[in-house]
All heavy atoms as atom14 arrays in JSON, in Angstrom:
{
  "sequence": "RNVPFVLVTGFADVREPELRFAPMLRKPVSDDGEVRRLLEAMLSP",
  "atom14_mask": [
    [1, 1, 1, 1, 1, 1, 1, 1, 1, 1, 1, 0, 0, 0],
    [1, 1, 1, 1, 1, 1, 1, 1, 0, 0, 0, 0, 0, 0],
    [1, 1, 1, 1, 1, 1, 1, 0, 0, 0, 0, 0, 0, 0],
    [1, 1, 1, 1, 1, 1, 1, 0, 0, 0, 0, 0, 0, 0],
    [1, 1, 1, 1, 1, 1, 1, 1, 1, 1, 1, 0, 0, 0],
    [1, 1, 1, 1, 1, 1, 1, 0, 0, 0, 0, 0, 0, 0],
    [1, 1, 1, 1, 1, 1, 1, 1, 0, 0, 0, 0, 0, 0],
    [1, 1, 1, 1, 1, 1, 1, 0, 0, 0, 0, 0, 0, 0],
    [1, 1, 1, 1, 1, 1, 1, 0, 0, 0, 0, 0, 0, 0],
    [1, 1, 1, 1, 0, 0, 0, 0, 0, 0, 0, 0, 0, 0],
    [1, 1, 1, 1, 1, 1, 1, 1, 1, 1, 1, 0, 0, 0],
    [1, 1, 1, 1, 1, 0, 0, 0, 0, 0, 0, 0, 0, 0],
    [1, 1, 1, 1, 1, 1, 1, 1, 0, 0, 0, 0, 0, 0],
    [1, 1, 1, 1, 1, 1, 1, 0, 0, 0, 0, 0, 0, 0],
    [1, 1, 1, 1, 1, 1, 1, 1, 1, 1, 1, 0, 0, 0],
    [1, 1, 1, 1, 1, 1, 1, 1, 1, 0, 0, 0, 0, 0],
    [1, 1, 1, 1, 1, 1, 1, 0, 0, 0, 0, 0, 0, 0],
    [1, 1, 1, 1, 1, 1, 1, 1, 1, 0, 0, 0, 0, 0],
    [1, 1, 1, 1, 1, 1, 1, 1, 0, 0, 0, 0, 0, 0],
    [1, 1, 1, 1, 1, 1, 1, 1, 1, 1, 1, 0, 0, 0],
    [1, 1, 1, 1, 1, 1, 1, 1, 1, 1, 1, 0, 0, 0],
    [1, 1, 1, 1, 1, 0, 0, 0, 0, 0, 0, 0, 0, 0],
    [1, 1, 1, 1, 1, 1, 1, 0, 0, 0, 0, 0, 0, 0],
    [1, 1, 1, 1, 1, 1, 1, 1, 0, 0, 0, 0, 0, 0],
    [1, 1, 1, 1, 1, 1, 1, 1, 0, 0, 0, 0, 0, 0],
    [1, 1, 1, 1, 1, 1, 1, 1, 1, 1, 1, 0, 0, 0],
    [1, 1, 1, 1, 1, 1, 1, 1, 1, 0, 0, 0, 0, 0],
    [1, 1, 1, 1, 1, 1, 1, 0, 0, 0, 0, 0, 0, 0],
    [1, 1, 1, 1, 1, 1, 1, 0, 0, 0, 0, 0, 0, 0],
    [1, 1, 1, 1, 1, 1, 0, 0, 0, 0, 0, 0, 0, 0],
    [1, 1, 1, 1, 1, 1, 1, 1, 0, 0, 0, 0, 0, 0],
    [1, 1, 1, 1, 1, 1, 1, 1, 0, 0, 0, 0, 0, 0],
    [1, 1, 1, 1, 0, 0, 0, 0, 0, 0, 0, 0, 0, 0],
    [1, 1, 1, 1, 1, 1, 1, 1, 1, 0, 0, 0, 0, 0],
    [1, 1, 1, 1, 1, 1, 1, 0, 0, 0, 0, 0, 0, 0],
    [1, 1, 1, 1, 1, 1, 1, 1, 1, 1, 1, 0, 0, 0],
    [1, 1, 1, 1, 1, 1, 1, 1, 1, 1, 1, 0, 0, 0],
    [1, 1, 1, 1, 1, 1, 1, 1, 0, 0, 0, 0, 0, 0],
    [1, 1, 1, 1, 1, 1, 1, 1, 0, 0, 0, 0, 0, 0],
    [1, 1, 1, 1, 1, 1, 1, 1, 1, 0, 0, 0, 0, 0],
    [1, 1, 1, 1, 1, 0, 0, 0, 0, 0, 0, 0, 0, 0],
    [1, 1, 1, 1, 1, 1, 1, 1, 0, 0, 0, 0, 0, 0],
    [1, 1, 1, 1, 1, 1, 1, 1, 0, 0, 0, 0, 0, 0],
    [1, 1, 1, 1, 1, 1, 0, 0, 0, 0, 0, 0, 0, 0],
    [1, 1, 1, 1, 1, 1, 1, 0, 0, 0, 0, 0, 0, 0]
  ],
  "atom14_positions": [
    [[23.87, 0.41, -2.91], [24.04, 1.09, -1.62], [24.61, 0.15, -0.55], [24.67, 0.53, 0.62], [22.7, 1.63, -1.14], [22.12, 2.69, -2.04], [20.75, 3.05, -1.56], [20.15, 4.04, -2.42], [19.33, 4.99, -1.98], [19.03, 5.06, -0.71], [18.81, 5.83, -2.83], [0.0, 0.0, 0.0], [0.0, 0.0, 0.0], [0.0, 0.0, 0.0]],
    [[24.95, -1.06, -0.95], [25.49, -2.06, -0.02], [24.52, -2.38, 1.11], [24.92, -2.52, 2.27], [26.85, -1.6, 0.53], [27.65, -2.77, 1.07], [27.52, -3.9, 0.61], [28.47, -2.49, 2.06], [0.0, 0.0, 0.0], [0.0, 0.0, 0.0], [0.0, 0.0, 0.0], [0.0, 0.0, 0.0], [0.0, 0.0, 0.0], [0.0, 0.0, 0.0]],
    [[23.23, -2.49, 0.76], [22.18, -2.83, 1.73], [21.81, -4.3, 1.53], [21.37, -4.68, 0.44], [20.93, -1.94, 1.55], [19.8, -2.4, 2.47], [21.27, -0.48, 1.79], [0.0, 0.0, 0.0], [0.0, 0.0, 0.0], [0.0, 0.0, 0.0], [0.0, 0.0, 0.0], [0.0, 0.0, 0.0], [0.0, 0.0, 0.0], [0.0, 0.0, 0.0]],
    [[21.97, -5.13, 2.56], [21.61, -6.54, 2.41], [20.09, -6.71, 2.32], [19.34, -5.95, 2.92], [22.16, -7.18, 3.68], [22.24, -6.09, 4.67], [22.48, -4.82, 3.89], [0.0, 0.0, 0.0], [0.0, 0.0, 0.0], [0.0, 0.0, 0.0], [0.0, 0.0, 0.0], [0.0, 0.0, 0.0], [0.0, 0.0, 0.0], [0.0, 0.0, 0.0]],
    [[19.67, -7.73, 1.58], [18.23, -7.99, 1.45], [17.95, -9.48, 1.41], [18.82, -10.29, 1.11], [17.65, -7.29, 0.22], [18.24, -7.72, -1.09], [17.74, -8.82, -1.78], [19.31, -7.02, -1.63], [18.3, -9.21, -2.99], [19.87, -7.4, -2.84], [19.36, -8.49, -3.53], [0.0, 0.0, 0.0], [0.0, 0.0, 0.0], [0.0, 0.0, 0.0]],
    [[16.7, -9.8, 1.74], [16.2, -11.17, 1.72], [14.99, -11.2, 0.8], [14.16, -10.29, 0.85], [15.76, -11.61, 3.14], [15.11, -12.99, 3.11], [16.92, -11.58, 4.11], [0.0, 0.0, 0.0], [0.0, 0.0, 0.0], [0.0, 0.0, 0.0], [0.0, 0.0, 0.0], [0.0, 0.0, 0.0], [0.0, 0.0, 0.0], [0.0, 0.0, 0.0]],
    [[14.9, -12.23, -0.02], [13.71, -12.43, -0.83], [12.7, -13.21, 0.0], [13.04, -14.24, 0.59], [14.03, -13.21, -2.1], [14.96, -12.52, -3.09], [15.27, -13.45, -4.26], [14.36, -11.21, -3.59], [0.0, 0.0, 0.0], [0.0, 0.0, 0.0], [0.0, 0.0, 0.0], [0.0, 0.0, 0.0], [0.0, 0.0, 0.0], [0.0, 0.0, 0.0]],
    [[11.47, -12.71, 0.05], [10.39, -13.39, 0.75], [9.39, -13.78, -0.34], [8.74, -12.91, -0.91], [9.73, -12.48, 1.8], [8.65, -13.22, 2.55], [10.77, -11.92, 2.75], [0.0, 0.0, 0.0], [0.0, 0.0, 0.0], [0.0, 0.0, 0.0], [0.0, 0.0, 0.0], [0.0, 0.0, 0.0], [0.0, 0.0, 0.0], [0.0, 0.0, 0.0]],
    [[9.32, -15.08, -0.64], [8.54, -15.49, -1.79], [8.0, -16.9, -1.65], [8.53, -17.7, -0.89], [9.39, -15.37, -3.08], [8.58, -15.7, -4.2], [10.59, -16.28, -3.02], [0.0, 0.0, 0.0], [0.0, 0.0, 0.0], [0.0, 0.0, 0.0], [0.0, 0.0, 0.0], [0.0, 0.0, 0.0], [0.0, 0.0, 0.0], [0.0, 0.0, 0.0]],
    [[6.96, -17.17, -2.38], [6.41, -18.51, -2.47], [6.94, -19.24, -3.68], [6.64, -20.4, -3.91], [0.0, 0.0, 0.0], [0.0, 0.0, 0.0], [0.0, 0.0, 0.0], [0.0, 0.0, 0.0], [0.0, 0.0, 0.0], [0.0, 0.0, 0.0], [0.0, 0.0, 0.0], [0.0, 0.0, 0.0], [0.0, 0.0, 0.0], [0.0, 0.0, 0.0]],
    [[7.76, -18.56, -4.47], [8.29, -19.12, -5.71], [9.79, -19.31, -5.61], [10.47, -18.58, -4.92], [8.0, -18.18, -6.89], [6.54, -17.88, -7.05], [6.0, -16.72, -6.54], [5.71, -18.77, -7.7], [4.65, -16.44, -6.67], [4.35, -18.51, -7.83], [3.82, -17.34, -7.32], [0.0, 0.0, 0.0], [0.0, 0.0, 0.0], [0.0, 0.0, 0.0]],
    [[10.29, -20.28, -6.32], [11.73, -20.53, -6.33], [12.35, -20.17, -7.68], [13.52, -20.42, -7.91], [12.01, -22.0, -6.02], [0.0, 0.0, 0.0], [0.0, 0.0, 0.0], [0.0, 0.0, 0.0], [0.0, 0.0, 0.0], [0.0, 0.0, 0.0], [0.0, 0.0, 0.0], [0.0, 0.0, 0.0], [0.0, 0.0, 0.0], [0.0, 0.0, 0.0]],
    [[11.59, -19.58, -8.57], [12.04, -19.27, -9.92], [12.8, -17.94, -9.93], [12.24, -16.89, -10.24], [10.85, -19.23, -10.86], [11.26, -19.02, -12.3], [12.42, -19.31, -12.64], [10.42, -18.56, -13.1], [0.0, 0.0, 0.0], [0.0, 0.0, 0.0], [0.0, 0.0, 0.0], [0.0, 0.0, 0.0], [0.0, 0.0, 0.0], [0.0, 0.0, 0.0]],
    [[14.08, -18.0, -9.57], [14.9, -16.8, -9.53], [15.91, -16.9, -10.67], [16.87, -17.65, -10.59], [15.62, -16.64, -8.17], [16.49, -15.4, -8.16], [14.61, -16.61, -7.05], [0.0, 0.0, 0.0], [0.0, 0.0, 0.0], [0.0, 0.0, 0.0], [0.0, 0.0, 0.0], [0.0, 0.0, 0.0], [0.0, 0.0, 0.0], [0.0, 0.0, 0.0]],
    [[15.67, -16.15, -11.73], [16.53, -16.19, -12.91], [17.51, -15.03, -12.95], [18.59, -15.13, -13.52], [15.67, -16.17, -14.18], [14.75, -17.35, -14.33], [13.87, -17.2, -15.55], [13.07, -15.98, -15.54], [11.85, -15.89, -15.04], [11.28, -16.93, -14.5], [11.19, -14.76, -15.07], [0.0, 0.0, 0.0], [0.0, 0.0, 0.0], [0.0, 0.0, 0.0]],
    [[17.12, -13.91, -12.39], [17.93, -12.7, -12.48], [19.23, -12.85, -11.7], [19.21, -13.23, -10.53], [17.16, -11.49, -11.94], [15.88, -11.2, -12.66], [14.67, -11.95, -12.1], [14.83, -12.93, -11.37], [13.55, -11.54, -12.43], [0.0, 0.0, 0.0], [0.0, 0.0, 0.0], [0.0, 0.0, 0.0], [0.0, 0.0, 0.0], [0.0, 0.0, 0.0]],
    [[20.37, -12.5, -12.31], [21.64, -12.62, -11.6], [21.7, -11.75, -10.35], [22.37, -12.1, -9.38], [22.69, -12.17, -12.62], [21.98, -11.83, -13.86], [20.52, -12.06, -13.68], [0.0, 0.0, 0.0], [0.0, 0.0, 0.0], [0.0, 0.0, 0.0], [0.0, 0.0, 0.0], [0.0, 0.0, 0.0], [0.0, 0.0, 0.0], [0.0, 0.0, 0.0]],
    [[20.99, -10.63, -10.34], [21.0, -9.73, -9.18], [20.31, -10.36, -7.97], [20.49, -9.92, -6.84], [20.27, -8.41, -9.5], [20.89, -7.62, -10.62], [20.38, -8.06, -12.0], [19.51, -8.94, -12.1], [20.86, -7.49, -12.99], [0.0, 0.0, 0.0], [0.0, 0.0, 0.0], [0.0, 0.0, 0.0], [0.0, 0.0, 0.0], [0.0, 0.0, 0.0]],
    [[19.49, -11.37, -8.22], [18.71, -11.99, -7.15], [19.12, -13.41, -6.83], [18.77, -13.95, -5.78], [17.22, -12.0, -7.54], [16.58, -10.67, -7.89], [15.16, -10.88, -8.37], [16.61, -9.72, -6.71], [0.0, 0.0, 0.0], [0.0, 0.0, 0.0], [0.0, 0.0, 0.0], [0.0, 0.0, 0.0], [0.0, 0.0, 0.0], [0.0, 0.0, 0.0]],
    [[19.86, -14.03, -7.72], [20.11, -15.47, -7.65], [20.71, -15.93, -6.33], [20.39, -17.0, -5.84], [21.0, -15.89, -8.8], [21.09, -17.4, -8.94], [21.72, -17.86, -10.22], [20.9, -17.45, -11.35], [21.39, -16.91, -12.46], [22.68, -16.72, -12.59], [20.59, -16.56, -13.44], [0.0, 0.0, 0.0], [0.0, 0.0, 0.0], [0.0, 0.0, 0.0]],
    [[21.61, -15.17, -5.73], [22.3, -15.62, -4.53], [21.79, -14.95, -3.26], [22.42, -15.07, -2.2], [23.81, -15.41, -4.69], [24.36, -16.21, -5.84], [24.74, -15.58, -7.01], [24.45, -17.59, -5.75], [25.23, -16.32, -8.09], [24.94, -18.33, -6.82], [25.32, -17.7, -7.99], [0.0, 0.0, 0.0], [0.0, 0.0, 0.0], [0.0, 0.0, 0.0]],
    [[20.66, -14.28, -3.34], [20.09, -13.64, -2.16], [19.51, -14.7, -1.22], [18.96, -15.71, -1.67], [18.99, -12.67, -2.57], [0.0, 0.0, 0.0], [0.0, 0.0, 0.0], [0.0, 0.0, 0.0], [0.0, 0.0, 0.0], [0.0, 0.0, 0.0], [0.0, 0.0, 0.0], [0.0, 0.0, 0.0], [0.0, 0.0, 0.0], [0.0, 0.0, 0.0]],
    [[19.61, -14.48, 0.09], [18.94, -15.37, 1.03], [17.44, -15.35, 0.75], [16.9, -14.33, 0.29], [19.24, -14.78, 2.41], [20.33, -13.8, 2.19], [20.3, -13.39, 0.76], [0.0, 0.0, 0.0], [0.0, 0.0, 0.0], [0.0, 0.0, 0.0], [0.0, 0.0, 0.0], [0.0, 0.0, 0.0], [0.0, 0.0, 0.0], [0.0, 0.0, 0.0]],
    [[16.76, -16.46, 1.04], [15.35, -16.55, 0.71], [14.55, -17.12, 1.88], [14.98, -18.08, 2.52], [15.18, -17.46, -0.52], [13.79, -17.45, -1.1], [13.65, -18.48, -2.58], [14.73, -17.63, -3.72], [0.0, 0.0, 0.0], [0.0, 0.0, 0.0], [0.0, 0.0, 0.0], [0.0, 0.0, 0.0], [0.0, 0.0, 0.0], [0.0, 0.0, 0.0]],
    [[13.42, -16.49, 2.15], [12.44, -17.0, 3.09], [11.22, -17.41, 2.29], [10.76, -16.66, 1.43], [12.02, -15.93, 4.1], [12.98, -15.59, 5.21], [12.48, -14.38, 5.98], [13.13, -16.77, 6.15], [0.0, 0.0, 0.0], [0.0, 0.0, 0.0], [0.0, 0.0, 0.0], [0.0, 0.0, 0.0], [0.0, 0.0, 0.0], [0.0, 0.0, 0.0]],
    [[10.71, -18.58, 2.58], [9.52, -19.08, 1.88], [8.25, -18.57, 2.55], [8.14, -18.58, 3.77], [9.5, -20.6, 1.9], [10.6, -21.22, 1.11], [10.18, -21.31, -0.31], [11.19, -22.07, -1.03], [11.5, -21.82, -2.25], [10.91, -20.85, -2.9], [12.41, -22.53, -2.86], [0.0, 0.0, 0.0], [0.0, 0.0, 0.0], [0.0, 0.0, 0.0]],
    [[7.3, -18.15, 1.72], [5.97, -17.81, 2.21], [5.18, -19.1, 2.34], [5.36, -20.0, 1.53], [5.25, -16.91, 1.22], [5.72, -15.49, 1.19], [4.85, -14.75, 0.21], [5.32, -13.35, -0.01], [4.49, -12.67, -1.0], [0.0, 0.0, 0.0], [0.0, 0.0, 0.0], [0.0, 0.0, 0.0], [0.0, 0.0, 0.0], [0.0, 0.0, 0.0]],
    [[4.31, -19.19, 3.29], [4.07, -18.18, 4.33], [5.16, -18.21, 5.39], [5.65, -19.27, 5.76], [2.72, -18.61, 4.92], [2.65, -20.07, 4.69], [3.42, -20.34, 3.42], [0.0, 0.0, 0.0], [0.0, 0.0, 0.0], [0.0, 0.0, 0.0], [0.0, 0.0, 0.0], [0.0, 0.0, 0.0], [0.0, 0.0, 0.0], [0.0, 0.0, 0.0]],
    [[5.54, -17.02, 5.84], [6.55, -16.91, 6.89], [5.83, -17.11, 8.21], [4.98, -16.31, 8.58], [7.24, -15.53, 6.86], [8.23, -15.4, 7.99], [7.93, -15.32, 5.52], [0.0, 0.0, 0.0], [0.0, 0.0, 0.0], [0.0, 0.0, 0.0], [0.0, 0.0, 0.0], [0.0, 0.0, 0.0], [0.0, 0.0, 0.0], [0.0, 0.0, 0.0]],
    [[6.16, -18.18, 8.9], [5.45, -18.49, 10.13], [6.36, -18.49, 11.35], [5.88, -18.57, 12.47], [4.76, -19.86, 10.01], [5.72, -20.85, 9.73], [0.0, 0.0, 0.0], [0.0, 0.0, 0.0], [0.0, 0.0, 0.0], [0.0, 0.0, 0.0], [0.0, 0.0, 0.0], [0.0, 0.0, 0.0], [0.0, 0.0, 0.0], [0.0, 0.0, 0.0]],
    [[7.65, -18.39, 11.14], [8.61, -18.46, 12.25], [9.27, -17.1, 12.45], [10.2, -16.74, 11.73], [9.65, -19.55, 11.95], [10.64, -19.74, 13.08], [10.57, -19.01, 14.09], [11.5, -20.63, 12.94], [0.0, 0.0, 0.0], [0.0, 0.0, 0.0], [0.0, 0.0, 0.0], [0.0, 0.0, 0.0], [0.0, 0.0, 0.0], [0.0, 0.0, 0.0]],
    [[8.78, -16.35, 13.46], [9.36, -15.05, 13.76], [10.86, -15.17, 14.04], [11.65, -14.33, 13.65], [8.7, -14.42, 14.99], [7.28, -13.96, 14.73], [6.72, -14.28, 13.66], [6.73, -13.28, 15.6], [0.0, 0.0, 0.0], [0.0, 0.0, 0.0], [0.0, 0.0, 0.0], [0.0, 0.0, 0.0], [0.0, 0.0, 0.0], [0.0, 0.0, 0.0]],
    [[11.24, -16.23, 14.73], [12.64, -16.43, 15.08], [13.52, -16.58, 13.86], [14.65, -16.09, 13.84], [0.0, 0.0, 0.0], [0.0, 0.0, 0.0], [0.0, 0.0, 0.0], [0.0, 0.0, 0.0], [0.0, 0.0, 0.0], [0.0, 0.0, 0.0], [0.0, 0.0, 0.0], [0.0, 0.0, 0.0], [0.0, 0.0, 0.0], [0.0, 0.0, 0.0]],
    [[13.01, -17.23, 12.83], [13.79, -17.4, 11.6], [14.09, -16.05, 10.95], [15.21, -15.8, 10.51], [13.02, -18.29, 10.62], [13.76, -18.54, 9.32], [12.97, -19.41, 8.35], [11.76, -19.63, 8.57], [13.57, -19.84, 7.37], [0.0, 0.0, 0.0], [0.0, 0.0, 0.0], [0.0, 0.0, 0.0], [0.0, 0.0, 0.0], [0.0, 0.0, 0.0]],
    [[13.11, -15.18, 10.91], [13.31, -13.84, 10.32], [14.31, -13.06, 11.16], [15.24, -12.46, 10.61], [11.97, -13.08, 10.21], [12.19, -11.66, 9.72], [11.01, -13.83, 9.3], [0.0, 0.0, 0.0], [0.0, 0.0, 0.0], [0.0, 0.0, 0.0], [0.0, 0.0, 0.0], [0.0, 0.0, 0.0], [0.0, 0.0, 0.0], [0.0, 0.0, 0.0]],
    [[14.15, -13.09, 12.47], [15.09, -12.37, 13.35], [16.52, -12.87, 13.19], [17.45, -12.09, 13.07], [14.65, -12.5, 14.81], [13.56, -11.53, 15.2], [13.38, -11.51, 16.71], [12.81, -12.75, 17.21], [11.5, -12.99, 17.32], [10.64, -12.07, 16.96], [11.07, -14.14, 17.79], [0.0, 0.0, 0.0], [0.0, 0.0, 0.0], [0.0, 0.0, 0.0]],
    [[16.69, -14.2, 13.18], [18.04, -14.77, 13.04], [18.66, -14.38, 11.7], [19.84, -14.05, 11.63], [17.99, -16.29, 13.18], [17.82, -16.76, 14.61], [17.96, -18.26, 14.74], [16.96, -18.99, 13.98], [15.72, -19.28, 14.39], [15.33, -18.89, 15.58], [14.89, -19.95, 13.62], [0.0, 0.0, 0.0], [0.0, 0.0, 0.0], [0.0, 0.0, 0.0]],
    [[17.87, -14.42, 10.65], [18.38, -14.07, 9.32], [18.8, -12.61, 9.27], [19.88, -12.27, 8.78], [17.35, -14.4, 8.26], [17.77, -14.25, 6.81], [19.02, -15.04, 6.5], [16.64, -14.7, 5.9], [0.0, 0.0, 0.0], [0.0, 0.0, 0.0], [0.0, 0.0, 0.0], [0.0, 0.0, 0.0], [0.0, 0.0, 0.0], [0.0, 0.0, 0.0]],
    [[17.97, -11.72, 9.8], [18.32, -10.29, 9.82], [19.55, -10.04, 10.68], [20.44, -9.28, 10.28], [17.15, -9.45, 10.32], [16.03, -9.21, 9.31], [14.83, -8.57, 9.99], [16.5, -8.37, 8.14], [0.0, 0.0, 0.0], [0.0, 0.0, 0.0], [0.0, 0.0, 0.0], [0.0, 0.0, 0.0], [0.0, 0.0, 0.0], [0.0, 0.0, 0.0]],
    [[19.63, -10.67, 11.83], [20.79, -10.48, 12.7], [22.06, -10.96, 12.0], [23.1, -10.3, 12.08], [20.59, -11.22, 14.02], [19.58, -10.54, 14.91], [19.19, -11.38, 16.13], [19.85, -12.42, 16.39], [18.23, -10.99, 16.81], [0.0, 0.0, 0.0], [0.0, 0.0, 0.0], [0.0, 0.0, 0.0], [0.0, 0.0, 0.0], [0.0, 0.0, 0.0]],
    [[21.98, -12.09, 11.31], [23.16, -12.6, 10.58], [23.54, -11.66, 9.46], [24.73, -11.4, 9.22], [22.86, -14.0, 10.03], [0.0, 0.0, 0.0], [0.0, 0.0, 0.0], [0.0, 0.0, 0.0], [0.0, 0.0, 0.0], [0.0, 0.0, 0.0], [0.0, 0.0, 0.0], [0.0, 0.0, 0.0], [0.0, 0.0, 0.0], [0.0, 0.0, 0.0]],
    [[22.56, -11.11, 8.76], [22.85, -10.19, 7.66], [23.45, -8.89, 8.17], [24.34, -8.32, 7.53], [21.57, -9.87, 6.88], [21.1, -10.97, 6.0], [19.53, -10.62, 5.16], [19.41, -8.88, 5.09], [0.0, 0.0, 0.0], [0.0, 0.0, 0.0], [0.0, 0.0, 0.0], [0.0, 0.0, 0.0], [0.0, 0.0, 0.0], [0.0, 0.0, 0.0]],
    [[22.97, -8.42, 9.3], [23.4, -7.12, 9.8], [24.65, -7.18, 10.66], [25.31, -6.16, 10.87], [22.26, -6.47, 10.59], [21.06, -6.04, 9.75], [19.91, -5.64, 10.63], [21.44, -4.93, 8.8], [0.0, 0.0, 0.0], [0.0, 0.0, 0.0], [0.0, 0.0, 0.0], [0.0, 0.0, 0.0], [0.0, 0.0, 0.0], [0.0, 0.0, 0.0]],
    [[25.04, -8.35, 11.15], [26.19, -8.42, 12.06], [27.49, -7.91, 11.43], [28.27, -7.27, 12.12], [26.37, -9.84, 12.61], [26.69, -10.73, 11.57], [0.0, 0.0, 0.0], [0.0, 0.0, 0.0], [0.0, 0.0, 0.0], [0.0, 0.0, 0.0], [0.0, 0.0, 0.0], [0.0, 0.0, 0.0], [0.0, 0.0, 0.0], [0.0, 0.0, 0.0]],
    [[27.76, -8.14, 10.13], [29.0, -7.56, 9.57], [29.0, -6.03, 9.57], [30.05, -5.42, 9.47], [29.04, -8.09, 8.14], [28.12, -9.26, 8.11], [27.08, -8.99, 9.17], [0.0, 0.0, 0.0], [0.0, 0.0, 0.0], [0.0, 0.0, 0.0], [0.0, 0.0, 0.0], [0.0, 0.0, 0.0], [0.0, 0.0, 0.0], [0.0, 0.0, 0.0]]
  ]
}
């Protein structure tokens, strides 16, 4: 559907090709600004 996504995970083991190049946020997510900036960058196009 051409919907951008971010992986939010505590693990770095991404083997699946569908997920390999997705942006990633590490848990625990403690920086609200980081999430906002990432979403704004993803949605700006």
